[in-house]
Amino acid sequence: MLNSQERNVVIFLLVVIFVGIGIDYLAKGLKPLKEFLTLDENFVRIDINQASLSDLVASRCLSPRLAQSLIAYRDTNGYFTDFEELEKIKGIGKRRLEKIKEVFFVP
């Protein structure tokens, strides 16, 4: 017969084994988590022509100074008609433009 300490060890090992089997079963049976967390892009993006200074800075794509430059350009030249127009603003290159496209949209 097993003493109480041995019995506790056996019970612990059985619990660990069954929990591991359960986790493995769930992991194989469920779709990847990112499929559940994917949001509609239009739901989370902001119209760059309507975005305020605080919207632009809160996006973390633009520094306050760059956001002010974007607004000044927009005020001078009118609404943006495509993203490539943003590259005319000093400090916005291809890499930053890609980040901007993830958060904003041009109607």
N, C-alpha and C. Protein backbone atom coordinates (compact mmCIF):
# COMPACT_ATOMS: atom_id res chain seq x y z
N MET A 1 0.83 -1.19 0.00
CA MET A 1 0.00 0.00 0.00
C MET A 1 0.87 1.25 0.00
N LEU A 2 0.28 2.33 -0.50
CA LEU A 2 0.98 3.60 -0.54
C LEU A 2 0.69 4.39 0.72
N ASN A 3 1.72 5.08 1.21
CA ASN A 3 1.46 5.94 2.36
C ASN A 3 0.82 7.24 1.84
N SER A 4 0.44 8.15 2.71
CA SER A 4 -0.30 9.35 2.31
C SER A 4 0.53 10.27 1.42
N GLN A 5 1.83 10.36 1.65
CA GLN A 5 2.67 11.22 0.83
C GLN A 5 2.79 10.66 -0.59
N GLU A 6 2.96 9.34 -0.71
CA GLU A 6 3.04 8.71 -2.02
C GLU A 6 1.72 8.85 -2.77
N ARG A 7 0.63 8.69 -2.05
CA ARG A 7 -0.69 8.83 -2.65
C ARG A 7 -0.89 10.25 -3.19
N ASN A 8 -0.45 11.26 -2.43
CA ASN A 8 -0.56 12.65 -2.87
C ASN A 8 0.27 12.89 -4.13
N VAL A 9 1.45 12.29 -4.21
CA VAL A 9 2.30 12.43 -5.38
C VAL A 9 1.63 11.80 -6.59
N VAL A 10 1.07 10.62 -6.43
CA VAL A 10 0.39 9.93 -7.53
C VAL A 10 -0.82 10.76 -8.00
N ILE A 11 -1.60 11.28 -7.07
CA ILE A 11 -2.76 12.10 -7.43
C ILE A 11 -2.30 13.35 -8.17
N PHE A 12 -1.24 13.99 -7.68
CA PHE A 12 -0.71 15.18 -8.33
C PHE A 12 -0.28 14.87 -9.75
N LEU A 13 0.44 13.79 -9.96
CA LEU A 13 0.90 13.41 -11.29
C LEU A 13 -0.27 13.11 -12.23
N LEU A 14 -1.29 12.43 -11.72
CA LEU A 14 -2.47 12.14 -12.54
C LEU A 14 -3.19 13.43 -12.94
N VAL A 15 -3.30 14.36 -12.01
CA VAL A 15 -3.94 15.64 -12.32
C VAL A 15 -3.15 16.39 -13.39
N VAL A 16 -1.82 16.42 -13.25
CA VAL A 16 -0.97 17.09 -14.24
C VAL A 16 -1.13 16.43 -15.61
N ILE A 17 -1.16 15.11 -15.66
CA ILE A 17 -1.32 14.40 -16.92
C ILE A 17 -2.66 14.73 -17.56
N PHE A 18 -3.74 14.68 -16.78
CA PHE A 18 -5.06 14.96 -17.34
C PHE A 18 -5.20 16.42 -17.77
N VAL A 19 -4.64 17.34 -17.02
CA VAL A 19 -4.68 18.75 -17.42
C VAL A 19 -3.90 18.93 -18.72
N GLY A 20 -2.74 18.29 -18.83
CA GLY A 20 -1.94 18.37 -20.05
C GLY A 20 -2.68 17.82 -21.25
N ILE A 21 -3.36 16.71 -21.07
CA ILE A 21 -4.15 16.12 -22.16
C ILE A 21 -5.28 17.07 -22.56
N GLY A 22 -5.93 17.67 -21.57
CA GLY A 22 -7.01 18.61 -21.86
C GLY A 22 -6.52 19.83 -22.61
N ILE A 23 -5.40 20.38 -22.20
CA ILE A 23 -4.83 21.54 -22.88
C ILE A 23 -4.44 21.18 -24.31
N ASP A 24 -3.82 20.03 -24.49
CA ASP A 24 -3.43 19.58 -25.82
C ASP A 24 -4.66 19.42 -26.71
N TYR A 25 -5.72 18.84 -26.18
CA TYR A 25 -6.95 18.65 -26.94
C TYR A 25 -7.54 19.99 -27.36
N LEU A 26 -7.61 20.94 -26.43
CA LEU A 26 -8.15 22.25 -26.74
C LEU A 26 -7.29 23.00 -27.74
N ALA A 27 -5.97 22.90 -27.59
CA ALA A 27 -5.06 23.60 -28.49
C ALA A 27 -5.20 23.08 -29.92
N LYS A 28 -5.39 21.80 -30.08
CA LYS A 28 -5.54 21.24 -31.42
C LYS A 28 -6.92 21.46 -31.98
N GLY A 29 -7.91 21.56 -31.11
CA GLY A 29 -9.28 21.67 -31.56
C GLY A 29 -9.73 23.09 -31.85
N LEU A 30 -9.04 24.10 -31.33
CA LEU A 30 -9.45 25.49 -31.53
C LEU A 30 -8.65 26.16 -32.63
N LYS A 31 -9.27 27.12 -33.29
CA LYS A 31 -8.56 27.90 -34.28
C LYS A 31 -7.53 28.78 -33.57
N PRO A 32 -6.53 29.25 -34.30
CA PRO A 32 -5.56 30.14 -33.66
C PRO A 32 -6.24 31.36 -33.06
N LEU A 33 -5.72 31.81 -31.94
CA LEU A 33 -6.34 32.90 -31.20
C LEU A 33 -6.45 34.17 -32.02
N LYS A 34 -5.48 34.46 -32.87
CA LYS A 34 -5.54 35.70 -33.63
C LYS A 34 -6.73 35.75 -34.58
N GLU A 35 -7.27 34.59 -34.96
CA GLU A 35 -8.47 34.60 -35.80
C GLU A 35 -9.66 35.12 -35.02
N PHE A 36 -9.66 34.88 -33.70
CA PHE A 36 -10.76 35.37 -32.87
C PHE A 36 -10.61 36.86 -32.59
N LEU A 37 -9.38 37.35 -32.61
CA LEU A 37 -9.13 38.74 -32.24
C LEU A 37 -9.07 39.68 -33.43
N THR A 38 -9.15 39.17 -34.63
CA THR A 38 -9.07 40.02 -35.81
C THR A 38 -10.30 40.91 -35.87
N LEU A 39 -10.05 42.21 -36.03
CA LEU A 39 -11.14 43.16 -36.14
C LEU A 39 -11.24 43.65 -37.57
N ASP A 40 -12.41 44.07 -37.95
CA ASP A 40 -12.60 44.68 -39.25
C ASP A 40 -11.75 45.93 -39.31
N GLU A 41 -10.90 46.06 -40.32
CA GLU A 41 -9.99 47.20 -40.42
C GLU A 41 -10.73 48.53 -40.43
N ASN A 42 -11.86 48.61 -41.08
CA ASN A 42 -12.61 49.86 -41.14
C ASN A 42 -13.16 50.27 -39.79
N PHE A 43 -13.31 49.32 -38.89
CA PHE A 43 -13.85 49.60 -37.57
C PHE A 43 -12.84 50.37 -36.72
N VAL A 44 -11.58 50.09 -36.87
CA VAL A 44 -10.58 50.68 -35.99
C VAL A 44 -9.80 51.81 -36.65
N ARG A 45 -9.96 52.04 -37.92
CA ARG A 45 -9.20 53.09 -38.59
C ARG A 45 -9.93 54.42 -38.52
N ILE A 46 -9.17 55.51 -38.64
CA ILE A 46 -9.68 56.86 -38.49
C ILE A 46 -9.49 57.61 -39.80
N ASP A 47 -10.46 58.42 -40.16
CA ASP A 47 -10.38 59.26 -41.36
C ASP A 47 -9.28 60.30 -41.13
N ILE A 48 -8.23 60.25 -41.92
CA ILE A 48 -7.10 61.15 -41.73
C ILE A 48 -7.47 62.59 -42.02
N ASN A 49 -8.51 62.82 -42.82
CA ASN A 49 -8.95 64.17 -43.12
C ASN A 49 -9.76 64.79 -41.99
N GLN A 50 -10.26 63.98 -41.10
CA GLN A 50 -11.06 64.47 -39.97
C GLN A 50 -10.31 64.38 -38.64
N ALA A 51 -9.17 63.73 -38.63
CA ALA A 51 -8.43 63.47 -37.40
C ALA A 51 -7.92 64.78 -36.78
N SER A 52 -8.12 64.89 -35.48
CA SER A 52 -7.62 66.05 -34.75
C SER A 52 -6.15 65.82 -34.37
N LEU A 53 -5.53 66.84 -33.83
CA LEU A 53 -4.15 66.71 -33.38
C LEU A 53 -4.03 65.60 -32.34
N SER A 54 -4.97 65.56 -31.41
CA SER A 54 -4.92 64.52 -30.37
C SER A 54 -5.13 63.12 -30.97
N ASP A 55 -5.97 62.99 -32.00
CA ASP A 55 -6.16 61.70 -32.68
C ASP A 55 -4.85 61.25 -33.32
N LEU A 56 -4.20 62.18 -34.01
CA LEU A 56 -2.96 61.84 -34.71
C LEU A 56 -1.86 61.42 -33.74
N VAL A 57 -1.74 62.15 -32.64
CA VAL A 57 -0.69 61.83 -31.66
C VAL A 57 -1.03 60.55 -30.90
N ALA A 58 -2.30 60.36 -30.58
CA ALA A 58 -2.72 59.16 -29.84
C ALA A 58 -2.49 57.89 -30.65
N SER A 59 -2.44 58.01 -31.96
CA SER A 59 -2.23 56.83 -32.81
C SER A 59 -0.83 56.25 -32.64
N ARG A 60 0.08 57.03 -32.11
CA ARG A 60 1.49 56.65 -31.92
C ARG A 60 2.22 56.45 -33.24
N CYS A 61 1.61 56.86 -34.33
CA CYS A 61 2.29 56.82 -35.62
C CYS A 61 3.06 58.11 -35.85
N LEU A 62 2.60 59.16 -35.20
CA LEU A 62 3.14 60.49 -35.44
C LEU A 62 3.50 61.17 -34.14
N SER A 63 4.61 61.86 -34.15
CA SER A 63 5.00 62.69 -33.01
C SER A 63 4.10 63.94 -33.02
N PRO A 64 4.04 64.66 -31.91
CA PRO A 64 3.24 65.90 -31.91
C PRO A 64 3.68 66.88 -33.00
N ARG A 65 4.97 66.98 -33.20
CA ARG A 65 5.49 67.90 -34.23
C ARG A 65 5.07 67.46 -35.64
N LEU A 66 5.19 66.17 -35.91
CA LEU A 66 4.80 65.65 -37.22
C LEU A 66 3.29 65.74 -37.42
N ALA A 67 2.54 65.53 -36.37
CA ALA A 67 1.08 65.66 -36.45
C ALA A 67 0.69 67.11 -36.78
N GLN A 68 1.38 68.06 -36.17
CA GLN A 68 1.12 69.47 -36.48
C GLN A 68 1.47 69.78 -37.93
N SER A 69 2.55 69.19 -38.42
CA SER A 69 2.93 69.39 -39.83
C SER A 69 1.87 68.82 -40.76
N LEU A 70 1.32 67.67 -40.41
CA LEU A 70 0.28 67.05 -41.22
C LEU A 70 -0.96 67.93 -41.26
N ILE A 71 -1.36 68.46 -40.12
CA ILE A 71 -2.54 69.32 -40.08
C ILE A 71 -2.29 70.61 -40.85
N ALA A 72 -1.09 71.18 -40.73
CA ALA A 72 -0.77 72.40 -41.47
C ALA A 72 -0.82 72.14 -42.97
N TYR A 73 -0.28 70.99 -43.40
CA TYR A 73 -0.33 70.63 -44.83
C TYR A 73 -1.78 70.48 -45.28
N ARG A 74 -2.58 69.80 -44.47
CA ARG A 74 -3.99 69.57 -44.81
C ARG A 74 -4.75 70.89 -44.88
N ASP A 75 -4.47 71.80 -43.94
CA ASP A 75 -5.15 73.10 -43.96
C ASP A 75 -4.77 73.93 -45.18
N THR A 76 -3.52 73.80 -45.61
CA THR A 76 -3.03 74.58 -46.75
C THR A 76 -3.48 73.99 -48.08
N ASN A 77 -3.41 72.65 -48.20
CA ASN A 77 -3.63 71.99 -49.48
C ASN A 77 -4.98 71.29 -49.62
N GLY A 78 -5.77 71.28 -48.59
CA GLY A 78 -7.07 70.60 -48.63
C GLY A 78 -6.93 69.13 -48.21
N TYR A 79 -8.05 68.44 -48.27
CA TYR A 79 -8.09 67.05 -47.83
C TYR A 79 -7.18 66.16 -48.67
N PHE A 80 -6.67 65.12 -48.03
CA PHE A 80 -5.84 64.14 -48.72
C PHE A 80 -6.74 63.28 -49.60
N THR A 81 -6.25 62.99 -50.79
CA THR A 81 -7.01 62.13 -51.71
C THR A 81 -6.41 60.73 -51.80
N ASP A 82 -5.14 60.58 -51.40
CA ASP A 82 -4.52 59.26 -51.32
C ASP A 82 -3.35 59.33 -50.33
N PHE A 83 -2.91 58.18 -49.90
CA PHE A 83 -1.85 58.11 -48.88
C PHE A 83 -0.52 58.64 -49.39
N GLU A 84 -0.23 58.47 -50.67
CA GLU A 84 1.05 58.88 -51.20
C GLU A 84 1.27 60.39 -51.05
N GLU A 85 0.19 61.12 -50.98
CA GLU A 85 0.26 62.56 -50.77
C GLU A 85 0.93 62.90 -49.44
N LEU A 86 0.81 62.01 -48.47
CA LEU A 86 1.42 62.23 -47.15
C LEU A 86 2.94 62.26 -47.22
N GLU A 87 3.51 61.61 -48.22
CA GLU A 87 4.97 61.59 -48.35
C GLU A 87 5.54 62.96 -48.69
N LYS A 88 4.70 63.90 -49.07
CA LYS A 88 5.16 65.27 -49.34
C LYS A 88 5.48 66.01 -48.04
N ILE A 89 5.02 65.46 -46.91
CA ILE A 89 5.27 66.08 -45.62
C ILE A 89 6.63 65.61 -45.11
N LYS A 90 7.48 66.56 -44.75
CA LYS A 90 8.82 66.23 -44.27
C LYS A 90 8.70 65.36 -43.02
N GLY A 91 9.40 64.23 -43.05
CA GLY A 91 9.38 63.30 -41.92
C GLY A 91 8.51 62.07 -42.15
N ILE A 92 7.73 62.08 -43.22
CA ILE A 92 6.90 60.91 -43.54
C ILE A 92 7.51 60.22 -44.75
N GLY A 93 8.09 59.07 -44.49
CA GLY A 93 8.65 58.26 -45.56
C GLY A 93 7.83 57.00 -45.75
N LYS A 94 8.36 56.07 -46.49
CA LYS A 94 7.63 54.84 -46.81
C LYS A 94 7.30 54.02 -45.56
N ARG A 95 8.28 53.88 -44.64
CA ARG A 95 8.04 53.07 -43.43
C ARG A 95 6.97 53.68 -42.55
N ARG A 96 7.06 54.98 -42.32
CA ARG A 96 6.06 55.64 -41.48
C ARG A 96 4.69 55.61 -42.18
N LEU A 97 4.69 55.74 -43.49
CA LEU A 97 3.44 55.71 -44.24
C LEU A 97 2.73 54.37 -44.05
N GLU A 98 3.49 53.28 -44.03
CA GLU A 98 2.89 51.96 -43.80
C GLU A 98 2.23 51.88 -42.43
N LYS A 99 2.85 52.48 -41.42
CA LYS A 99 2.25 52.49 -40.08
C LYS A 99 0.98 53.34 -40.06
N ILE A 100 1.04 54.47 -40.77
CA ILE A 100 -0.13 55.34 -40.84
C ILE A 100 -1.30 54.62 -41.50
N LYS A 101 -1.03 53.85 -42.53
CA LYS A 101 -2.10 53.12 -43.25
C LYS A 101 -2.81 52.11 -42.35
N GLU A 102 -2.11 51.61 -41.33
CA GLU A 102 -2.74 50.65 -40.42
C GLU A 102 -3.77 51.30 -39.51
N VAL A 103 -3.62 52.58 -39.25
CA VAL A 103 -4.48 53.26 -38.28
C VAL A 103 -5.49 54.20 -38.94
N PHE A 104 -5.11 54.80 -40.05
CA PHE A 104 -5.95 55.80 -40.70
C PHE A 104 -6.42 55.33 -42.07
N PHE A 105 -7.41 56.02 -42.61
CA PHE A 105 -7.82 55.76 -43.99
C PHE A 105 -8.08 57.08 -44.68
N VAL A 106 -7.96 57.08 -45.99
CA VAL A 106 -8.27 58.23 -46.83
C VAL A 106 -9.57 57.89 -47.54
N PRO A 107 -10.62 58.68 -47.29
CA PRO A 107 -11.92 58.37 -47.91
C PRO A 107 -11.93 58.63 -49.41
